[in-house]
Protein backbone atom coordinates (compact mmCIF):
# COMPACT_ATOMS: atom_id res chain seq x y z
CA UNK A 1 0.00 0.00 0.00
CA UNK A 2 1.17 3.48 -0.76
CA UNK A 3 1.97 5.87 2.12
CA UNK A 4 -0.77 8.16 0.87
CA UNK A 5 -3.38 5.43 1.34
CA UNK A 6 -2.06 4.53 4.78
CA UNK A 7 -2.36 8.16 5.85
CA UNK A 8 -5.92 8.37 4.52
CA UNK A 9 -6.75 5.14 6.33
CA UNK A 10 -5.31 6.48 9.59
CA UNK A 11 -7.25 9.75 9.31
CA UNK A 12 -10.42 7.78 8.59
CA UNK A 13 -9.89 5.64 11.69
CA UNK A 14 -9.35 8.73 13.85
CA UNK A 15 -12.55 10.24 12.45
CA UNK A 16 -14.47 7.05 13.24
CA UNK A 17 -13.11 7.00 16.80
CA UNK A 18 -13.98 10.65 17.42
CA UNK A 19 -17.46 10.11 16.00
CA UNK A 20 -17.78 7.03 18.22
CA UNK A 21 -16.89 9.10 21.28
CA UNK A 22 -19.33 11.87 20.36
CA UNK A 23 -22.13 9.38 19.80
CA UNK A 24 -21.46 7.79 23.17
CA UNK A 25 -21.45 11.19 24.89
CA UNK A 26 -24.82 12.04 23.36
CA UNK A 27 -26.26 8.61 24.27
CA UNK A 28 -26.82 7.68 20.62
CA UNK A 29 -24.97 4.35 21.01
CA UNK A 30 -24.62 1.89 23.84
CA UNK A 31 -21.39 1.40 25.79
CA UNK A 32 -20.93 -2.14 24.47
CA UNK A 33 -20.94 -0.89 20.87
CA UNK A 34 -18.49 1.85 21.86
CA UNK A 35 -16.02 -0.70 23.24
CA UNK A 36 -16.46 -2.99 20.25
CA UNK A 37 -15.51 -0.14 17.91
CA UNK A 38 -12.51 0.71 20.12
CA UNK A 39 -11.38 -2.94 20.08
CA UNK A 40 -11.70 -3.17 16.30
CA UNK A 41 -9.71 0.05 15.87
CA UNK A 42 -7.00 -1.24 18.23
CA UNK A 43 -6.78 -4.53 16.33
CA UNK A 44 -6.60 -2.61 13.09
CA UNK A 45 -3.86 -0.33 14.40
CA UNK A 46 -1.70 -3.05 15.93
CA UNK A 47 -2.13 -5.88 13.41
CA UNK A 48 -3.39 -4.67 10.05
CA UNK A 49 -1.45 -1.43 9.58
CA UNK A 50 1.96 -3.00 10.36
CA UNK A 51 1.25 -5.76 7.82
CA UNK A 52 0.47 -3.12 5.21
CA UNK A 53 3.72 -1.33 6.05
CA UNK A 54 5.73 -4.57 5.75
CA UNK A 55 4.22 -5.39 2.40
CA UNK A 56 5.09 -1.89 1.22
CA UNK A 57 8.85 -2.40 1.76
PDB file of N, CA and C in Angstrom:
ATOM      1  N   UNK A   1       0.837  -1.187   0.000  1.00  0.00           N
ATOM      2  CA  UNK A   1       0.000   0.000   0.000  1.00  0.00           C
ATOM      3  C   UNK A   1       0.877   1.244   0.000  1.00  0.00           C
ATOM      4  N   UNK A   2       0.440   2.233  -0.680  1.00  0.00           N
ATOM      5  CA  UNK A   2       1.166   3.484  -0.756  1.00  0.00           C
ATOM      6  C   UNK A   2       1.028   4.253   0.563  1.00  0.00           C
ATOM      7  N   UNK A   3       2.023   5.074   0.880  1.00  0.00           N
ATOM      8  CA  UNK A   3       1.972   5.872   2.117  1.00  0.00           C
ATOM      9  C   UNK A   3       0.762   6.798   2.132  1.00  0.00           C
ATOM     10  N   UNK A   4       0.387   7.273   0.970  1.00  0.00           N
ATOM     11  CA  UNK A   4      -0.771   8.156   0.869  1.00  0.00           C
ATOM     12  C   UNK A   4      -2.037   7.443   1.349  1.00  0.00           C
ATOM     13  N   UNK A   5      -2.204   6.191   0.937  1.00  0.00           N
ATOM     14  CA  UNK A   5      -3.381   5.432   1.341  1.00  0.00           C
ATOM     15  C   UNK A   5      -3.350   5.084   2.824  1.00  0.00           C
ATOM     16  N   UNK A   6      -2.175   4.807   3.349  1.00  0.00           N
ATOM     17  CA  UNK A   6      -2.061   4.534   4.783  1.00  0.00           C
ATOM     18  C   UNK A   6      -2.436   5.762   5.598  1.00  0.00           C
ATOM     19  N   UNK A   7      -2.022   6.924   5.143  1.00  0.00           N
ATOM     20  CA  UNK A   7      -2.358   8.162   5.845  1.00  0.00           C
ATOM     21  C   UNK A   7      -3.856   8.427   5.795  1.00  0.00           C
ATOM     22  N   UNK A   8      -4.467   8.200   4.647  1.00  0.00           N
ATOM     23  CA  UNK A   8      -5.917   8.372   4.519  1.00  0.00           C
ATOM     24  C   UNK A   8      -6.641   7.389   5.424  1.00  0.00           C
ATOM     25  N   UNK A   9      -6.157   6.160   5.472  1.00  0.00           N
ATOM     26  CA  UNK A   9      -6.753   5.142   6.329  1.00  0.00           C
ATOM     27  C   UNK A   9      -6.644   5.520   7.800  1.00  0.00           C
ATOM     28  N   UNK A  10      -5.511   6.058   8.195  1.00  0.00           N
ATOM     29  CA  UNK A  10      -5.314   6.481   9.589  1.00  0.00           C
ATOM     30  C   UNK A  10      -6.236   7.648   9.947  1.00  0.00           C
ATOM     31  N   UNK A  11      -6.362   8.607   9.058  1.00  0.00           N
ATOM     32  CA  UNK A  11      -7.251   9.748   9.308  1.00  0.00           C
ATOM     33  C   UNK A  11      -8.697   9.272   9.389  1.00  0.00           C
ATOM     34  N   UNK A  12      -9.069   8.329   8.551  1.00  0.00           N
ATOM     35  CA  UNK A  12     -10.416   7.779   8.591  1.00  0.00           C
ATOM     36  C   UNK A  12     -10.691   7.067   9.918  1.00  0.00           C
ATOM     37  N   UNK A  13      -9.717   6.323  10.411  1.00  0.00           N
ATOM     38  CA  UNK A  13      -9.886   5.638  11.692  1.00  0.00           C
ATOM     39  C   UNK A  13     -10.018   6.645  12.839  1.00  0.00           C
ATOM     40  N   UNK A  14      -9.243   7.693  12.814  1.00  0.00           N
ATOM     41  CA  UNK A  14      -9.350   8.727  13.849  1.00  0.00           C
ATOM     42  C   UNK A  14     -10.726   9.375  13.793  1.00  0.00           C
ATOM     43  N   UNK A  15     -11.211   9.665  12.595  1.00  0.00           N
ATOM     44  CA  UNK A  15     -12.545  10.244  12.447  1.00  0.00           C
ATOM     45  C   UNK A  15     -13.615   9.317  13.019  1.00  0.00           C
ATOM     46  N   UNK A  16     -13.501   8.024  12.726  1.00  0.00           N
ATOM     47  CA  UNK A  16     -14.470   7.051  13.243  1.00  0.00           C
ATOM     48  C   UNK A  16     -14.421   7.009  14.766  1.00  0.00           C
ATOM     49  N   UNK A  17     -13.228   7.051  15.342  1.00  0.00           N
ATOM     50  CA  UNK A  17     -13.109   7.002  16.798  1.00  0.00           C
ATOM     51  C   UNK A  17     -13.669   8.262  17.460  1.00  0.00           C
ATOM     52  N   UNK A  18     -13.429   9.408  16.867  1.00  0.00           N
ATOM     53  CA  UNK A  18     -13.978  10.649  17.420  1.00  0.00           C
ATOM     54  C   UNK A  18     -15.503  10.646  17.305  1.00  0.00           C
ATOM     55  N   UNK A  19     -16.012  10.212  16.173  1.00  0.00           N
ATOM     56  CA  UNK A  19     -17.457  10.107  15.999  1.00  0.00           C
ATOM     57  C   UNK A  19     -18.049   9.122  17.004  1.00  0.00           C
ATOM     58  N   UNK A  20     -17.356   8.024  17.235  1.00  0.00           N
ATOM     59  CA  UNK A  20     -17.780   7.030  18.216  1.00  0.00           C
ATOM     60  C   UNK A  20     -17.881   7.658  19.611  1.00  0.00           C
ATOM     61  N   UNK A  21     -16.895   8.448  19.975  1.00  0.00           N
ATOM     62  CA  UNK A  21     -16.892   9.104  21.281  1.00  0.00           C
ATOM     63  C   UNK A  21     -18.025  10.118  21.400  1.00  0.00           C
ATOM     64  N   UNK A  22     -18.250  10.878  20.347  1.00  0.00           N
ATOM     65  CA  UNK A  22     -19.328  11.869  20.360  1.00  0.00           C
ATOM     66  C   UNK A  22     -20.687  11.179  20.471  1.00  0.00           C
ATOM     67  N   UNK A  23     -20.854  10.098  19.733  1.00  0.00           N
ATOM     68  CA  UNK A  23     -22.134   9.378  19.796  1.00  0.00           C
ATOM     69  C   UNK A  23     -22.364   8.776  21.177  1.00  0.00           C
ATOM     70  N   UNK A  24     -21.308   8.309  21.818  1.00  0.00           N
ATOM     71  CA  UNK A  24     -21.458   7.791  23.174  1.00  0.00           C
ATOM     72  C   UNK A  24     -21.818   8.918  24.142  1.00  0.00           C
ATOM     73  N   UNK A  25     -21.192  10.061  23.991  1.00  0.00           N
ATOM     74  CA  UNK A  25     -21.453  11.187  24.888  1.00  0.00           C
ATOM     75  C   UNK A  25     -22.882  11.705  24.753  1.00  0.00           C
ATOM     76  N   UNK A  26     -23.448  11.570  23.566  1.00  0.00           N
ATOM     77  CA  UNK A  26     -24.821  12.037  23.356  1.00  0.00           C
ATOM     78  C   UNK A  26     -25.840  10.912  23.521  1.00  0.00           C
ATOM     79  N   UNK A  27     -25.404   9.778  24.020  1.00  0.00           N
ATOM     80  CA  UNK A  27     -26.258   8.608  24.265  1.00  0.00           C
ATOM     81  C   UNK A  27     -26.944   8.089  23.006  1.00  0.00           C
ATOM     82  N   UNK A  28     -26.280   8.199  21.873  1.00  0.00           N
ATOM     83  CA  UNK A  28     -26.821   7.677  20.624  1.00  0.00           C
ATOM     84  C   UNK A  28     -26.455   6.204  20.431  1.00  0.00           C
ATOM     85  N   UNK A  29     -25.382   5.757  21.088  1.00  0.00           N
ATOM     86  CA  UNK A  29     -24.970   4.352  21.013  1.00  0.00           C
ATOM     87  C   UNK A  29     -24.770   3.820  22.424  1.00  0.00           C
ATOM     88  N   UNK A  30     -24.811   2.526  22.540  1.00  0.00           N
ATOM     89  CA  UNK A  30     -24.621   1.895  23.840  1.00  0.00           C
ATOM     90  C   UNK A  30     -23.124   1.704  24.110  1.00  0.00           C
ATOM     91  N   UNK A  31     -22.791   1.535  25.388  1.00  0.00           N
ATOM     92  CA  UNK A  31     -21.393   1.398  25.787  1.00  0.00           C
ATOM     93  C   UNK A  31     -20.736   0.165  25.187  1.00  0.00           C
ATOM     94  N   UNK A  32     -21.485  -0.916  25.055  1.00  0.00           N
ATOM     95  CA  UNK A  32     -20.927  -2.136  24.470  1.00  0.00           C
ATOM     96  C   UNK A  32     -20.487  -1.890  23.032  1.00  0.00           C
ATOM     97  N   UNK A  33     -21.306  -1.212  22.249  1.00  0.00           N
ATOM     98  CA  UNK A  33     -20.939  -0.890  20.872  1.00  0.00           C
ATOM     99  C   UNK A  33     -19.715   0.021  20.835  1.00  0.00           C
ATOM    100  N   UNK A  34     -19.639   0.962  21.751  1.00  0.00           N
ATOM    101  CA  UNK A  34     -18.487   1.847  21.859  1.00  0.00           C
ATOM    102  C   UNK A  34     -17.203   1.048  22.038  1.00  0.00           C
ATOM    103  N   UNK A  35     -17.220   0.091  22.969  1.00  0.00           N
ATOM    104  CA  UNK A  35     -16.024  -0.700  23.241  1.00  0.00           C
ATOM    105  C   UNK A  35     -15.701  -1.660  22.105  1.00  0.00           C
ATOM    106  N   UNK A  36     -16.712  -2.132  21.415  1.00  0.00           N
ATOM    107  CA  UNK A  36     -16.459  -2.992  20.254  1.00  0.00           C
ATOM    108  C   UNK A  36     -15.733  -2.210  19.166  1.00  0.00           C
ATOM    109  N   UNK A  37     -16.168  -0.985  18.919  1.00  0.00           N
ATOM    110  CA  UNK A  37     -15.508  -0.141  17.909  1.00  0.00           C
ATOM    111  C   UNK A  37     -14.076   0.175  18.336  1.00  0.00           C
ATOM    112  N   UNK A  38     -13.860   0.447  19.611  1.00  0.00           N
ATOM    113  CA  UNK A  38     -12.508   0.709  20.116  1.00  0.00           C
ATOM    114  C   UNK A  38     -11.619  -0.520  19.920  1.00  0.00           C
ATOM    115  N   UNK A  39     -12.152  -1.706  20.227  1.00  0.00           N
ATOM    116  CA  UNK A  39     -11.380  -2.945  20.079  1.00  0.00           C
ATOM    117  C   UNK A  39     -11.030  -3.213  18.620  1.00  0.00           C
ATOM    118  N   UNK A  40     -11.968  -2.978  17.726  1.00  0.00           N
ATOM    119  CA  UNK A  40     -11.700  -3.169  16.296  1.00  0.00           C
ATOM    120  C   UNK A  40     -10.636  -2.194  15.815  1.00  0.00           C
ATOM    121  N   UNK A  41     -10.707  -0.953  16.263  1.00  0.00           N
ATOM    122  CA  UNK A  41      -9.714   0.050  15.874  1.00  0.00           C
ATOM    123  C   UNK A  41      -8.331  -0.319  16.422  1.00  0.00           C
ATOM    124  N   UNK A  42      -8.281  -0.833  17.652  1.00  0.00           N
ATOM    125  CA  UNK A  42      -6.999  -1.243  18.232  1.00  0.00           C
ATOM    126  C   UNK A  42      -6.412  -2.411  17.450  1.00  0.00           C
ATOM    127  N   UNK A  43      -7.235  -3.398  17.134  1.00  0.00           N
ATOM    128  CA  UNK A  43      -6.778  -4.532  16.330  1.00  0.00           C
ATOM    129  C   UNK A  43      -6.251  -4.048  14.988  1.00  0.00           C
ATOM    130  N   UNK A  44      -6.991  -3.160  14.384  1.00  0.00           N
ATOM    131  CA  UNK A  44      -6.602  -2.606  13.088  1.00  0.00           C
ATOM    132  C   UNK A  44      -5.255  -1.881  13.184  1.00  0.00           C
ATOM    133  N   UNK A  45      -5.087  -1.105  14.242  1.00  0.00           N
ATOM    134  CA  UNK A  45      -3.860  -0.331  14.402  1.00  0.00           C
ATOM    135  C   UNK A  45      -2.644  -1.162  14.757  1.00  0.00           C
ATOM    136  N   UNK A  46      -2.832  -2.246  15.487  1.00  0.00           N
ATOM    137  CA  UNK A  46      -1.697  -3.046  15.929  1.00  0.00           C
ATOM    138  C   UNK A  46      -1.394  -4.233  15.037  1.00  0.00           C
ATOM    139  N   UNK A  47      -2.356  -4.691  14.241  1.00  0.00           N
ATOM    140  CA  UNK A  47      -2.129  -5.878  13.414  1.00  0.00           C
ATOM    141  C   UNK A  47      -2.168  -5.553  11.924  1.00  0.00           C
ATOM    142  N   UNK A  48      -3.193  -4.871  11.490  1.00  0.00           N
ATOM    143  CA  UNK A  48      -3.395  -4.675  10.054  1.00  0.00           C
ATOM    144  C   UNK A  48      -2.436  -3.642   9.477  1.00  0.00           C
ATOM    145  N   UNK A  49      -2.325  -2.498  10.103  1.00  0.00           N
ATOM    146  CA  UNK A  49      -1.453  -1.432   9.581  1.00  0.00           C
ATOM    147  C   UNK A  49       0.007  -1.881   9.485  1.00  0.00           C
ATOM    148  N   UNK A  50       0.581  -2.527  10.512  1.00  0.00           N
ATOM    149  CA  UNK A  50       1.962  -2.996  10.355  1.00  0.00           C
ATOM    150  C   UNK A  50       2.143  -3.993   9.207  1.00  0.00           C
ATOM    151  N   UNK A  51       1.151  -4.832   8.949  1.00  0.00           N
ATOM    152  CA  UNK A  51       1.248  -5.759   7.816  1.00  0.00           C
ATOM    153  C   UNK A  51       1.259  -4.997   6.494  1.00  0.00           C
ATOM    154  N   UNK A  52       0.462  -3.940   6.417  1.00  0.00           N
ATOM    155  CA  UNK A  52       0.471  -3.121   5.213  1.00  0.00           C
ATOM    156  C   UNK A  52       1.833  -2.451   5.040  1.00  0.00           C
ATOM    157  N   UNK A  53       2.414  -1.986   6.127  1.00  0.00           N
ATOM    158  CA  UNK A  53       3.717  -1.330   6.051  1.00  0.00           C
ATOM    159  C   UNK A  53       4.806  -2.324   5.633  1.00  0.00           C
ATOM    160  N   UNK A  54       4.738  -3.554   6.136  1.00  0.00           N
ATOM    161  CA  UNK A  54       5.729  -4.573   5.754  1.00  0.00           C
ATOM    162  C   UNK A  54       5.609  -4.912   4.289  1.00  0.00           C
ATOM    163  N   UNK A  55       4.398  -5.047   3.796  1.00  0.00           N
ATOM    164  CA  UNK A  55       4.220  -5.391   2.398  1.00  0.00           C
ATOM    165  C   UNK A  55       4.639  -4.254   1.479  1.00  0.00           C
ATOM    166  N   UNK A  56       4.697  -3.057   2.006  1.00  0.00           N
ATOM    167  CA  UNK A  56       5.091  -1.894   1.217  1.00  0.00           C
ATOM    168  C   UNK A  56       6.596  -1.891   0.960  1.00  0.00           C
ATOM    169  N   UNK A  57       7.372  -2.402   1.904  1.00  0.00           N
ATOM    170  CA  UNK A  57       8.852  -2.397   1.764  1.00  0.00           C
ATOM    171  C   UNK A  57       9.324  -3.403   0.775  1.00  0.00           C
TER     172      UNK A  57
END
